[in-house]
Protein backbone atom coordinates (compact mmCIF):
# COMPACT_ATOMS: atom_id res chain seq x y z
CA MET A 1 73.41 119.84 98.28
CA SER A 2 69.58 120.42 97.31
CA GLY A 3 67.43 123.77 97.68
CA THR A 4 65.38 121.64 100.21
CA ALA A 5 68.31 120.15 101.91
CA TRP A 6 69.97 123.56 102.69
CA LYS A 7 66.35 124.32 104.02
CA VAL A 8 66.37 121.25 106.50
CA PHE A 9 69.94 122.54 107.54
CA PHE A 10 68.88 125.59 108.25
CA LEU A 11 66.27 124.13 110.69
CA VAL A 12 68.70 123.45 113.06
CA VAL A 13 72.13 125.48 111.80
CA SER A 14 70.31 129.01 111.70
CA LEU A 15 73.91 130.96 110.69
CA ILE A 16 77.04 129.35 109.05
CA SER A 17 79.80 131.62 108.54
CA THR A 18 82.44 131.47 105.47
CA THR A 19 84.60 133.39 103.04
CA PHE A 20 83.71 134.75 99.50
CA ALA A 21 86.15 132.54 98.39
CA SER A 22 84.45 129.31 99.19
CA PHE A 23 80.37 131.16 99.24
CA GLY A 24 80.26 130.52 95.39
CA ARG A 25 80.97 126.56 95.78
CA MET A 26 79.38 125.99 98.69
CA PHE A 27 75.89 127.42 97.53
CA SER A 28 76.48 126.63 93.93
CA HIS A 29 73.06 125.38 94.13
CA LEU A 30 70.92 127.78 95.00
CA GLY A 31 69.31 130.38 92.67
CA ALA A 32 68.66 134.21 92.72
CA GLU A 33 67.21 135.28 96.77
CA SER A 34 66.87 131.65 98.22
CA LEU A 35 68.94 132.62 101.34
CA GLY A 36 66.86 134.92 104.07
CA TRP A 37 69.74 136.80 104.61
CA VAL A 38 73.66 137.59 104.03
CA PHE A 39 75.44 139.52 106.54
CA ILE A 40 78.84 141.00 105.24
CA ASP A 41 81.05 142.24 107.80
CA GLU A 42 84.88 144.30 107.04
CA ALA A 43 82.83 145.21 103.88
CA GLY A 44 85.33 148.26 103.21
CA GLN A 45 87.88 145.23 102.53
CA ALA A 46 85.64 143.59 99.80
CA THR A 47 85.23 143.83 96.25
CA PRO A 48 81.86 144.07 95.05
CA GLN A 49 82.54 141.51 92.60
CA SER A 50 83.45 139.36 95.34
CA ALA A 51 80.32 139.78 97.03
CA ALA A 52 78.02 139.53 94.08
CA GLY A 53 77.29 136.21 94.23
CA ALA A 54 76.30 136.14 97.84
CA LEU A 55 74.21 138.99 97.12
CA TRP A 56 72.35 137.98 94.30
CA ARG A 57 71.41 134.90 96.62
CA ALA A 58 70.37 136.84 99.46
CA GLN A 59 66.63 138.76 100.02
CA HIS A 60 68.21 140.91 102.54
CA ALA A 61 71.62 142.03 103.29
CA LEU A 62 72.90 144.16 105.93
CA VAL A 63 76.44 145.56 104.69
CA VAL A 64 79.14 146.77 107.31
CA GLY A 65 82.52 148.47 106.85
CA ASP A 66 84.30 151.25 106.57
CA PRO A 67 85.99 151.50 103.24
CA LEU A 68 88.49 155.07 104.75
CA GLN A 69 89.55 152.82 107.62
CA LEU A 70 90.05 149.61 105.84
CA THR A 71 90.76 149.74 101.91
CA PRO A 72 89.82 146.87 99.37
CA ILE A 73 92.06 144.07 99.35
CA VAL A 74 93.43 143.76 95.22
CA THR A 75 96.07 141.32 94.32
CA GLN A 76 96.42 142.12 90.64
CA PRO A 77 99.22 144.86 90.50
CA THR A 78 97.59 148.55 90.42
CA LYS A 79 99.62 149.30 86.68
CA ALA A 80 97.80 146.20 85.37
CA GLU A 81 94.72 147.42 86.71
CA ALA A 82 94.90 151.06 85.64
CA ASN A 83 96.05 149.63 82.07
CA ILE A 84 92.86 146.89 81.60
CA ALA A 85 90.95 150.10 82.70
CA LEU A 86 92.18 152.23 79.87
CA GLU A 87 91.87 149.70 77.42
CA HIS A 88 87.62 148.99 78.33
CA ARG A 89 87.27 152.56 79.01
CA VAL A 90 86.55 151.67 82.51
CA PRO A 91 85.72 154.38 85.14
CA ARG A 92 88.36 154.77 87.63
CA LEU A 93 85.23 154.67 90.22
CA ALA A 94 84.36 150.85 89.02
CA LEU A 95 88.08 150.11 89.48
CA PRO A 96 88.39 147.01 92.39
CA SER A 97 91.30 148.50 94.21
CA GLN A 98 89.37 152.32 94.45
CA THR A 99 85.49 150.78 95.29
CA SER A 100 84.28 148.50 98.05
CA VAL A 101 81.05 146.74 98.66
């Protein structure tokens, strides 16, 4: 769907709910700051990498979540993550399992 088609669509439908997994495909033709608002709920469970495309497309974002209540969901084994970080000199704070949106 083109940018113009999305504008017409949003005249009728004011809110779309989706996952980060499908966000990239759904809005693949939209560029930077092409969406007015992006709301992220349970941001404590989401890794920054998973939200990057949504935030890039947003003019404004409302991000709500408590990383102390629910930790980020990471499917990569902790040992593999640590080994990759060590090899590439990535600080611990930047590891997907250690930080959230």
